Amino acid sequence: MTPKIKICPVAKVASIFSDSWTILIIRDLLSSPMRFSELERSLDGVSSRTLSLKLRRLVIEGIISKDDLYYSVTSFGKKLGKVIDAMAKCGKAYI
């Protein structure tokens, strides 16, 4: 019998937010669905390749979805919005 490995929920969410582009992509998509080009413009400094790779990863993980030309957050992605809101409040207090 194979032992079950426990996964820490905090570590799982931390792995999703492991880089700043992922957090910013989710943040922008929480406001409204966007095309690739709109996301590229909203994320100053991201390369097309990096954005493409990050979007693909987020789709595979079920955090965002792609419908025709638009990317949008899934119901799980919307739950991550609470984490991003909390980070924004902490950031404002820290600044």
PDB file of N, CA and C in Angstrom:
ATOM      1  N   MET A   1       0.840  -1.176   0.000  1.00  0.00           N
ATOM      2  CA  MET A   1       0.000   0.000   0.000  1.00  0.00           C
ATOM      3  C   MET A   1       0.889   1.245   0.000  1.00  0.00           C
ATOM      4  N   THR A   2       0.576   2.186  -0.885  1.00  0.00           N
ATOM      5  CA  THR A   2       1.336   3.412  -0.999  1.00  0.00           C
ATOM      6  C   THR A   2       0.891   4.404   0.065  1.00  0.00           C
ATOM      7  N   PRO A   3       1.857   4.979   0.816  1.00  0.00           N
ATOM      8  CA  PRO A   3       1.463   5.969   1.834  1.00  0.00           C
ATOM      9  C   PRO A   3       0.940   7.239   1.164  1.00  0.00           C
ATOM     10  N   LYS A   4      -0.059   7.842   1.788  1.00  0.00           N
ATOM     11  CA  LYS A   4      -0.619   9.092   1.277  1.00  0.00           C
ATOM     12  C   LYS A   4       0.269  10.251   1.711  1.00  0.00           C
ATOM     13  N   ILE A   5       0.547  11.119   0.776  1.00  0.00           N
ATOM     14  CA  ILE A   5       1.358  12.295   1.061  1.00  0.00           C
ATOM     15  C   ILE A   5       0.422  13.455   1.362  1.00  0.00           C
ATOM     16  N   LYS A   6       0.646  14.088   2.496  1.00  0.00           N
ATOM     17  CA  LYS A   6      -0.162  15.244   2.851  1.00  0.00           C
ATOM     18  C   LYS A   6       0.408  16.477   2.156  1.00  0.00           C
ATOM     19  N   ILE A   7      -0.468  17.252   1.561  1.00  0.00           N
ATOM     20  CA  ILE A   7      -0.057  18.479   0.897  1.00  0.00           C
ATOM     21  C   ILE A   7      -0.514  19.655   1.759  1.00  0.00           C
ATOM     22  N   CYS A   8       0.412  20.525   2.051  1.00  0.00           N
ATOM     23  CA  CYS A   8       0.096  21.707   2.854  1.00  0.00           C
ATOM     24  C   CYS A   8      -0.662  22.709   1.982  1.00  0.00           C
ATOM     25  N   PRO A   9      -1.867  23.113   2.393  1.00  0.00           N
ATOM     26  CA  PRO A   9      -2.641  24.069   1.604  1.00  0.00           C
ATOM     27  C   PRO A   9      -1.936  25.415   1.416  1.00  0.00           C
ATOM     28  N   VAL A  10      -1.215  25.854   2.428  1.00  0.00           N
ATOM     29  CA  VAL A  10      -0.498  27.131   2.324  1.00  0.00           C
ATOM     30  C   VAL A  10       0.613  27.014   1.280  1.00  0.00           C
ATOM     31  N   ALA A  11       1.320  25.893   1.287  1.00  0.00           N
ATOM     32  CA  ALA A  11       2.390  25.682   0.315  1.00  0.00           C
ATOM     33  C   ALA A  11       1.830  25.615  -1.108  1.00  0.00           C
ATOM     34  N   LYS A  12       0.656  25.029  -1.266  1.00  0.00           N
ATOM     35  CA  LYS A  12       0.048  24.926  -2.593  1.00  0.00           C
ATOM     36  C   LYS A  12      -0.282  26.315  -3.142  1.00  0.00           C
ATOM     37  N   VAL A  13      -0.911  27.163  -2.338  1.00  0.00           N
ATOM     38  CA  VAL A  13      -1.242  28.517  -2.788  1.00  0.00           C
ATOM     39  C   VAL A  13       0.037  29.324  -2.998  1.00  0.00           C
ATOM     40  N   ALA A  14       1.029  29.134  -2.147  1.00  0.00           N
ATOM     41  CA  ALA A  14       2.309  29.833  -2.316  1.00  0.00           C
ATOM     42  C   ALA A  14       2.960  29.442  -3.637  1.00  0.00           C
ATOM     43  N   SER A  15       2.808  28.190  -4.060  1.00  0.00           N
ATOM     44  CA  SER A  15       3.399  27.765  -5.334  1.00  0.00           C
ATOM     45  C   SER A  15       2.697  28.432  -6.518  1.00  0.00           C
ATOM     46  N   ILE A  16       1.406  28.694  -6.380  1.00  0.00           N
ATOM     47  CA  ILE A  16       0.673  29.401  -7.436  1.00  0.00           C
ATOM     48  C   ILE A  16       1.196  30.825  -7.564  1.00  0.00           C
ATOM     49  N   PHE A  17       1.466  31.455  -6.423  1.00  0.00           N
ATOM     50  CA  PHE A  17       1.933  32.842  -6.395  1.00  0.00           C
ATOM     51  C   PHE A  17       3.461  32.935  -6.358  1.00  0.00           C
ATOM     52  N   SER A  18       4.133  31.950  -6.911  1.00  0.00           N
ATOM     53  CA  SER A  18       5.587  31.884  -6.801  1.00  0.00           C
ATOM     54  C   SER A  18       6.320  32.978  -7.570  1.00  0.00           C
ATOM     55  N   ASP A  19       5.653  33.654  -8.456  1.00  0.00           N
ATOM     56  CA  ASP A  19       6.300  34.766  -9.154  1.00  0.00           C
ATOM     57  C   ASP A  19       5.303  35.909  -9.328  1.00  0.00           C
ATOM     58  N   SER A  20       5.833  37.101  -9.500  1.00  0.00           N
ATOM     59  CA  SER A  20       4.966  38.278  -9.533  1.00  0.00           C
ATOM     60  C   SER A  20       4.047  38.313 -10.754  1.00  0.00           C
ATOM     61  N   TRP A  21       4.479  37.795 -11.898  1.00  0.00           N
ATOM     62  CA  TRP A  21       3.613  37.866 -13.084  1.00  0.00           C
ATOM     63  C   TRP A  21       2.318  37.096 -12.868  1.00  0.00           C
ATOM     64  N   THR A  22       2.385  35.941 -12.235  1.00  0.00           N
ATOM     65  CA  THR A  22       1.180  35.140 -12.013  1.00  0.00           C
ATOM     66  C   THR A  22       0.170  35.902 -11.169  1.00  0.00           C
ATOM     67  N   ILE A  23       0.636  36.506 -10.108  1.00  0.00           N
ATOM     68  CA  ILE A  23      -0.254  37.281  -9.244  1.00  0.00           C
ATOM     69  C   ILE A  23      -0.885  38.434 -10.025  1.00  0.00           C
ATOM     70  N   LEU A  24      -0.083  39.123 -10.821  1.00  0.00           N
ATOM     71  CA  LEU A  24      -0.580  40.278 -11.562  1.00  0.00           C
ATOM     72  C   LEU A  24      -1.538  39.878 -12.680  1.00  0.00           C
ATOM     73  N   ILE A  25      -1.317  38.730 -13.295  1.00  0.00           N
ATOM     74  CA  ILE A  25      -2.243  38.231 -14.317  1.00  0.00           C
ATOM     75  C   ILE A  25      -3.604  37.964 -13.685  1.00  0.00           C
ATOM     76  N   ILE A  26      -3.610  37.267 -12.563  1.00  0.00           N
ATOM     77  CA  ILE A  26      -4.874  36.971 -11.882  1.00  0.00           C
ATOM     78  C   ILE A  26      -5.540  38.262 -11.441  1.00  0.00           C
ATOM     79  N   ARG A  27      -4.760  39.180 -10.883  1.00  0.00           N
ATOM     80  CA  ARG A  27      -5.303  40.475 -10.441  1.00  0.00           C
ATOM     81  C   ARG A  27      -6.017  41.192 -11.585  1.00  0.00           C
ATOM     82  N   ASP A  28      -5.383  41.242 -12.754  1.00  0.00           N
ATOM     83  CA  ASP A  28      -5.974  41.942 -13.891  1.00  0.00           C
ATOM     84  C   ASP A  28      -7.215  41.231 -14.414  1.00  0.00           C
ATOM     85  N   LEU A  29      -7.182  39.906 -14.431  1.00  0.00           N
ATOM     86  CA  LEU A  29      -8.341  39.157 -14.942  1.00  0.00           C
ATOM     87  C   LEU A  29      -9.522  39.169 -13.978  1.00  0.00           C
ATOM     88  N   LEU A  30      -9.272  39.469 -12.715  1.00  0.00           N
ATOM     89  CA  LEU A  30     -10.378  39.571 -11.763  1.00  0.00           C
ATOM     90  C   LEU A  30     -11.285  40.753 -12.096  1.00  0.00           C
ATOM     91  N   SER A  31     -10.729  41.774 -12.730  1.00  0.00           N
ATOM     92  CA  SER A  31     -11.545  42.945 -13.068  1.00  0.00           C
ATOM     93  C   SER A  31     -12.438  42.679 -14.270  1.00  0.00           C
ATOM     94  N   SER A  32     -11.938  41.924 -15.248  1.00  0.00           N
ATOM     95  CA  SER A  32     -12.751  41.563 -16.420  1.00  0.00           C
ATOM     96  C   SER A  32     -11.954  40.620 -17.315  1.00  0.00           C
ATOM     97  N   PRO A  33     -12.657  39.843 -18.147  1.00  0.00           N
ATOM     98  CA  PRO A  33     -11.945  38.995 -19.119  1.00  0.00           C
ATOM     99  C   PRO A  33     -11.128  39.872 -20.066  1.00  0.00           C
ATOM    100  N   MET A  34      -9.999  39.351 -20.511  1.00  0.00           N
ATOM    101  CA  MET A  34      -9.111  40.132 -21.373  1.00  0.00           C
ATOM    102  C   MET A  34      -8.525  39.260 -22.475  1.00  0.00           C
ATOM    103  N   ARG A  35      -8.212  39.911 -23.579  1.00  0.00           N
ATOM    104  CA  ARG A  35      -7.475  39.266 -24.664  1.00  0.00           C
ATOM    105  C   ARG A  35      -5.995  39.252 -24.289  1.00  0.00           C
ATOM    106  N   PHE A  36      -5.238  38.413 -24.987  1.00  0.00           N
ATOM    107  CA  PHE A  36      -3.799  38.339 -24.761  1.00  0.00           C
ATOM    108  C   PHE A  36      -3.160  39.721 -24.887  1.00  0.00           C
ATOM    109  N   SER A  37      -3.498  40.436 -25.948  1.00  0.00           N
ATOM    110  CA  SER A  37      -2.889  41.755 -26.188  1.00  0.00           C
ATOM    111  C   SER A  37      -3.238  42.758 -25.088  1.00  0.00           C
ATOM    112  N   GLU A  38      -4.448  42.663 -24.533  1.00  0.00           N
ATOM    113  CA  GLU A  38      -4.842  43.560 -23.437  1.00  0.00           C
ATOM    114  C   GLU A  38      -4.029  43.260 -22.185  1.00  0.00           C
ATOM    115  N   LEU A  39      -3.842  41.976 -21.911  1.00  0.00           N
ATOM    116  CA  LEU A  39      -3.021  41.591 -20.759  1.00  0.00           C
ATOM    117  C   LEU A  39      -1.577  42.052 -20.945  1.00  0.00           C
ATOM    118  N   GLU A  40      -1.083  41.884 -22.146  1.00  0.00           N
ATOM    119  CA  GLU A  40       0.289  42.287 -22.438  1.00  0.00           C
ATOM    120  C   GLU A  40       0.486  43.784 -22.185  1.00  0.00           C
ATOM    121  N   ARG A  41      -0.492  44.590 -22.567  1.00  0.00           N
ATOM    122  CA  ARG A  41      -0.408  46.039 -22.332  1.00  0.00           C
ATOM    123  C   ARG A  41      -0.543  46.381 -20.850  1.00  0.00           C
ATOM    124  N   SER A  42      -1.383  45.640 -20.141  1.00  0.00           N
ATOM    125  CA  SER A  42      -1.610  45.967 -18.728  1.00  0.00           C
ATOM    126  C   SER A  42      -0.437  45.553 -17.842  1.00  0.00           C
ATOM    127  N   LEU A  43       0.363  44.609 -18.303  1.00  0.00           N
ATOM    128  CA  LEU A  43       1.491  44.111 -17.524  1.00  0.00           C
ATOM    129  C   LEU A  43       2.791  44.668 -18.106  1.00  0.00           C
ATOM    130  N   ASP A  44       3.080  45.882 -17.770  1.00  0.00           N
ATOM    131  CA  ASP A  44       4.248  46.583 -18.310  1.00  0.00           C
ATOM    132  C   ASP A  44       5.526  45.797 -18.018  1.00  0.00           C
ATOM    133  N   GLY A  45       6.230  45.427 -19.080  1.00  0.00           N
ATOM    134  CA  GLY A  45       7.511  44.754 -18.920  1.00  0.00           C
ATOM    135  C   GLY A  45       7.490  43.255 -19.147  1.00  0.00           C
ATOM    136  N   VAL A  46       6.320  42.641 -19.235  1.00  0.00           N
ATOM    137  CA  VAL A  46       6.265  41.190 -19.459  1.00  0.00           C
ATOM    138  C   VAL A  46       6.506  40.904 -20.944  1.00  0.00           C
ATOM    139  N   SER A  47       7.286  39.875 -21.213  1.00  0.00           N
ATOM    140  CA  SER A  47       7.514  39.487 -22.611  1.00  0.00           C
ATOM    141  C   SER A  47       6.345  38.617 -23.081  1.00  0.00           C
ATOM    142  N   SER A  48       6.131  38.574 -24.368  1.00  0.00           N
ATOM    143  CA  SER A  48       5.051  37.754 -24.935  1.00  0.00           C
ATOM    144  C   SER A  48       5.244  36.293 -24.567  1.00  0.00           C
ATOM    145  N   ARG A  49       6.479  35.828 -24.626  1.00  0.00           N
ATOM    146  CA  ARG A  49       6.759  34.420 -24.298  1.00  0.00           C
ATOM    147  C   ARG A  49       6.433  34.111 -22.837  1.00  0.00           C
ATOM    148  N   THR A  50       6.872  34.972 -21.938  1.00  0.00           N
ATOM    149  CA  THR A  50       6.600  34.762 -20.516  1.00  0.00           C
ATOM    150  C   THR A  50       5.100  34.769 -20.254  1.00  0.00           C
ATOM    151  N   LEU A  51       4.396  35.730 -20.829  1.00  0.00           N
ATOM    152  CA  LEU A  51       2.953  35.809 -20.639  1.00  0.00           C
ATOM    153  C   LEU A  51       2.272  34.557 -21.166  1.00  0.00           C
ATOM    154  N   SER A  52       2.677  34.110 -22.329  1.00  0.00           N
ATOM    155  CA  SER A  52       2.105  32.909 -22.924  1.00  0.00           C
ATOM    156  C   SER A  52       2.316  31.684 -22.032  1.00  0.00           C
ATOM    157  N   LEU A  53       3.522  31.528 -21.496  1.00  0.00           N
ATOM    158  CA  LEU A  53       3.823  30.394 -20.616  1.00  0.00           C
ATOM    159  C   LEU A  53       3.016  30.459 -19.324  1.00  0.00           C
ATOM    160  N   LYS A  54       2.920  31.647 -18.747  1.00  0.00           N
ATOM    161  CA  LYS A  54       2.166  31.808 -17.494  1.00  0.00           C
ATOM    162  C   LYS A  54       0.684  31.532 -17.710  1.00  0.00           C
ATOM    163  N   LEU A  55       0.128  32.039 -18.814  1.00  0.00           N
ATOM    164  CA  LEU A  55      -1.286  31.808 -19.101  1.00  0.00           C
ATOM    165  C   LEU A  55      -1.558  30.316 -19.306  1.00  0.00           C
ATOM    166  N   ARG A  56      -0.676  29.649 -20.036  1.00  0.00           N
ATOM    167  CA  ARG A  56      -0.850  28.208 -20.270  1.00  0.00           C
ATOM    168  C   ARG A  56      -0.853  27.448 -18.948  1.00  0.00           C
ATOM    169  N   ARG A  57       0.076  27.790 -18.048  1.00  0.00           N
ATOM    170  CA  ARG A  57       0.151  27.125 -16.739  1.00  0.00           C
ATOM    171  C   ARG A  57      -1.129  27.366 -15.934  1.00  0.00           C
ATOM    172  N   LEU A  58      -1.612  28.602 -15.939  1.00  0.00           N
ATOM    173  CA  LEU A  58      -2.818  28.926 -15.178  1.00  0.00           C
ATOM    174  C   LEU A  58      -4.055  28.220 -15.736  1.00  0.00           C
ATOM    175  N   VAL A  59      -4.116  28.036 -17.044  1.00  0.00           N
ATOM    176  CA  VAL A  59      -5.232  27.297 -17.654  1.00  0.00           C
ATOM    177  C   VAL A  59      -5.151  25.833 -17.235  1.00  0.00           C
ATOM    178  N   ILE A  60      -3.966  25.233 -17.313  1.00  0.00           N
ATOM    179  CA  ILE A  60      -3.785  23.825 -16.931  1.00  0.00           C
ATOM    180  C   ILE A  60      -4.156  23.609 -15.474  1.00  0.00           C
ATOM    181  N   GLU A  61      -3.815  24.551 -14.614  1.00  0.00           N
ATOM    182  CA  GLU A  61      -4.108  24.424 -13.186  1.00  0.00           C
ATOM    183  C   GLU A  61      -5.553  24.767 -12.840  1.00  0.00           C
ATOM    184  N   GLY A  62      -6.335  25.212 -13.819  1.00  0.00           N
ATOM    185  CA  GLY A  62      -7.747  25.500 -13.574  1.00  0.00           C
ATOM    186  C   GLY A  62      -8.016  26.817 -12.883  1.00  0.00           C
ATOM    187  N   ILE A  63      -7.044  27.719 -12.933  1.00  0.00           N
ATOM    188  CA  ILE A  63      -7.195  29.016 -12.282  1.00  0.00           C
ATOM    189  C   ILE A  63      -7.828  30.024 -13.226  1.00  0.00           C
ATOM    190  N   ILE A  64      -7.484  29.912 -14.505  1.00  0.00           N
ATOM    191  CA  ILE A  64      -8.122  30.744 -15.527  1.00  0.00           C
ATOM    192  C   ILE A  64      -8.612  29.837 -16.649  1.00  0.00           C
ATOM    193  N   SER A  65      -9.458  30.379 -17.504  1.00  0.00           N
ATOM    194  CA  SER A  65      -9.923  29.643 -18.675  1.00  0.00           C
ATOM    195  C   SER A  65      -9.792  30.541 -19.892  1.00  0.00           C
ATOM    196  N   LYS A  66      -9.774  29.899 -21.056  1.00  0.00           N
ATOM    197  CA  LYS A  66      -9.709  30.657 -22.299  1.00  0.00           C
ATOM    198  C   LYS A  66     -10.931  30.299 -23.123  1.00  0.00           C
ATOM    199  N   ASP A  67     -11.711  31.325 -23.451  1.00  0.00           N
ATOM    200  CA  ASP A  67     -12.910  31.150 -24.254  1.00  0.00           C
ATOM    201  C   ASP A  67     -12.730  31.977 -25.507  1.00  0.00           C
ATOM    202  N   ASP A  68     -12.528  31.325 -26.632  1.00  0.00           N
ATOM    203  CA  ASP A  68     -12.224  31.990 -27.898  1.00  0.00           C
ATOM    204  C   ASP A  68     -10.990  32.872 -27.725  1.00  0.00           C
ATOM    205  N   LEU A  69     -11.162  34.169 -27.685  1.00  0.00           N
ATOM    206  CA  LEU A  69     -10.025  35.085 -27.602  1.00  0.00           C
ATOM    207  C   LEU A  69      -9.777  35.632 -26.203  1.00  0.00           C
ATOM    208  N   TYR A  70     -10.669  35.342 -25.264  1.00  0.00           N
ATOM    209  CA  TYR A  70     -10.613  35.964 -23.949  1.00  0.00           C
ATOM    210  C   TYR A  70     -10.175  34.997 -22.857  1.00  0.00           C
ATOM    211  N   TYR A  71      -9.347  35.511 -21.959  1.00  0.00           N
ATOM    212  CA  TYR A  71      -8.971  34.793 -20.751  1.00  0.00           C
ATOM    213  C   TYR A  71      -9.809  35.342 -19.612  1.00  0.00           C
ATOM    214  N   SER A  72     -10.237  34.464 -18.720  1.00  0.00           N
ATOM    215  CA  SER A  72     -10.992  34.901 -17.550  1.00  0.00           C
ATOM    216  C   SER A  72     -10.685  33.973 -16.381  1.00  0.00           C
ATOM    217  N   VAL A  73     -10.960  34.437 -15.178  1.00  0.00           N
ATOM    218  CA  VAL A  73     -10.721  33.603 -14.002  1.00  0.00           C
ATOM    219  C   VAL A  73     -11.854  32.596 -13.844  1.00  0.00           C
ATOM    220  N   THR A  74     -11.512  31.431 -13.333  1.00  0.00           N
ATOM    221  CA  THR A  74     -12.502  30.404 -13.023  1.00  0.00           C
ATOM    222  C   THR A  74     -13.063  30.687 -11.626  1.00  0.00           C
ATOM    223  N   SER A  75     -13.965  29.854 -11.170  1.00  0.00           N
ATOM    224  CA  SER A  75     -14.504  30.047  -9.814  1.00  0.00           C
ATOM    225  C   SER A  75     -13.391  29.904  -8.778  1.00  0.00           C
ATOM    226  N   PHE A  76     -12.449  28.993  -9.023  1.00  0.00           N
ATOM    227  CA  PHE A  76     -11.317  28.879  -8.103  1.00  0.00           C
ATOM    228  C   PHE A  76     -10.435  30.121  -8.182  1.00  0.00           C
ATOM    229  N   GLY A  77     -10.221  30.644  -9.370  1.00  0.00           N
ATOM    230  CA  GLY A  77      -9.438  31.863  -9.534  1.00  0.00           C
ATOM    231  C   GLY A  77     -10.040  33.027  -8.771  1.00  0.00           C
ATOM    232  N   LYS A  78     -11.366  33.080  -8.744  1.00  0.00           N
ATOM    233  CA  LYS A  78     -12.044  34.155  -7.999  1.00  0.00           C
ATOM    234  C   LYS A  78     -11.754  34.044  -6.510  1.00  0.00           C
ATOM    235  N   LYS A  79     -11.611  32.823  -5.998  1.00  0.00           N
ATOM    236  CA  LYS A  79     -11.276  32.646  -4.582  1.00  0.00           C
ATOM    237  C   LYS A  79      -9.890  33.202  -4.280  1.00  0.00           C
ATOM    238  N   LEU A  80      -8.983  33.112  -5.237  1.00  0.00           N
ATOM    239  CA  LEU A  80      -7.643  33.661  -5.050  1.00  0.00           C
ATOM    240  C   LEU A  80      -7.673  35.183  -4.968  1.00  0.00           C
ATOM    241  N   GLY A  81      -8.748  35.787  -5.457  1.00  0.00           N
ATOM    242  CA  GLY A  81      -8.907  37.230  -5.358  1.00  0.00           C
ATOM    243  C   GLY A  81      -8.889  37.709  -3.920  1.00  0.00           C
ATOM    244  N   LYS A  82      -9.404  36.902  -3.007  1.00  0.00           N
ATOM    245  CA  LYS A  82      -9.393  37.266  -1.584  1.00  0.00           C
ATOM    246  C   LYS A  82      -7.957  37.340  -1.061  1.00  0.00           C
ATOM    247  N   VAL A  83      -7.122  36.435  -1.533  1.00  0.00           N
ATOM    248  CA  VAL A  83      -5.717  36.439  -1.133  1.00  0.00           C
ATOM    249  C   VAL A  83      -5.027  37.680  -1.690  1.00  0.00           C
ATOM    250  N   ILE A  84      -5.312  37.996  -2.950  1.00  0.00           N
ATOM    251  CA  ILE A  84      -4.709  39.168  -3.580  1.00  0.00           C
ATOM    252  C   ILE A  84      -5.171  40.448  -2.896  1.00  0.00           C
ATOM    253  N   ASP A  85      -6.450  40.511  -2.530  1.00  0.00           N
ATOM    254  CA  ASP A  85      -6.963  41.678  -1.794  1.00  0.00           C
ATOM    255  C   ASP A  85      -6.241  41.840  -0.456  1.00  0.00           C
ATOM    256  N   ALA A  86      -6.032  40.731   0.241  1.00  0.00           N
ATOM    257  CA  ALA A  86      -5.329  40.787   1.528  1.00  0.00           C
ATOM    258  C   ALA A  86      -3.885  41.239   1.328  1.00  0.00           C
ATOM    259  N   MET A  87      -3.251  40.772   0.245  1.00  0.00           N
ATOM    260  CA  MET A  87      -1.884  41.200  -0.044  1.00  0.00           C
ATOM    261  C   MET A  87      -1.850  42.700  -0.351  1.00  0.00           C
ATOM    262  N   ALA A  88      -2.851  43.192  -1.070  1.00  0.00           N
ATOM    263  CA  ALA A  88      -2.903  44.617  -1.397  1.00  0.00           C
ATOM    264  C   ALA A  88      -3.051  45.461  -0.131  1.00  0.00           C
ATOM    265  N   LYS A  89      -3.894  45.018   0.787  1.00  0.00           N
ATOM    266  CA  LYS A  89      -4.074  45.759   2.058  1.00  0.00           C
ATOM    267  C   LYS A  89      -2.778  45.773   2.863  1.00  0.00           C
ATOM    268  N   CYS A  90      -2.108  44.633   2.928  1.00  0.00           N
ATOM    269  CA  CYS A  90      -0.831  44.577   3.647  1.00  0.00           C
ATOM    270  C   CYS A  90       0.203  45.460   2.964  1.00  0.00           C
ATOM    271  N   GLY A  91       0.233  45.430   1.636  1.00  0.00           N
ATOM    272  CA  GLY A  91       1.176  46.250   0.884  1.00  0.00           C
ATOM    273  C   GLY A  91       0.964  47.728   1.117  1.00  0.00           C
ATOM    274  N   LYS A  92      -0.298  48.148   1.129  1.00  0.00           N
ATOM    275  CA  LYS A  92      -0.602  49.559   1.370  1.00  0.00           C
ATOM    276  C   LYS A  92      -0.167  49.972   2.761  1.00  0.00           C
ATOM    277  N   ALA A  93      -0.399  49.105   3.752  1.00  0.00           N
ATOM    278  CA  ALA A  93      -0.008  49.410   5.130  1.00  0.00           C
ATOM    279  C   ALA A  93       1.512  49.453   5.243  1.00  0.00           C
ATOM    280  N   TYR A  94       2.191  48.606   4.517  1.00  0.00           N
ATOM    281  CA  TYR A  94       3.657  48.539   4.580  1.00  0.00           C
ATOM    282  C   TYR A  94       4.300  49.735   3.905  1.00  0.00           C
ATOM    283  N   ILE A  95       3.710  50.155   2.784  1.00  0.00           N
ATOM    284  CA  ILE A  95       4.257  51.302   2.058  1.00  0.00           C
ATOM    285  C   ILE A  95       4.030  52.559   2.860  1.00  0.00           C
TER     286      ILE A  95
END
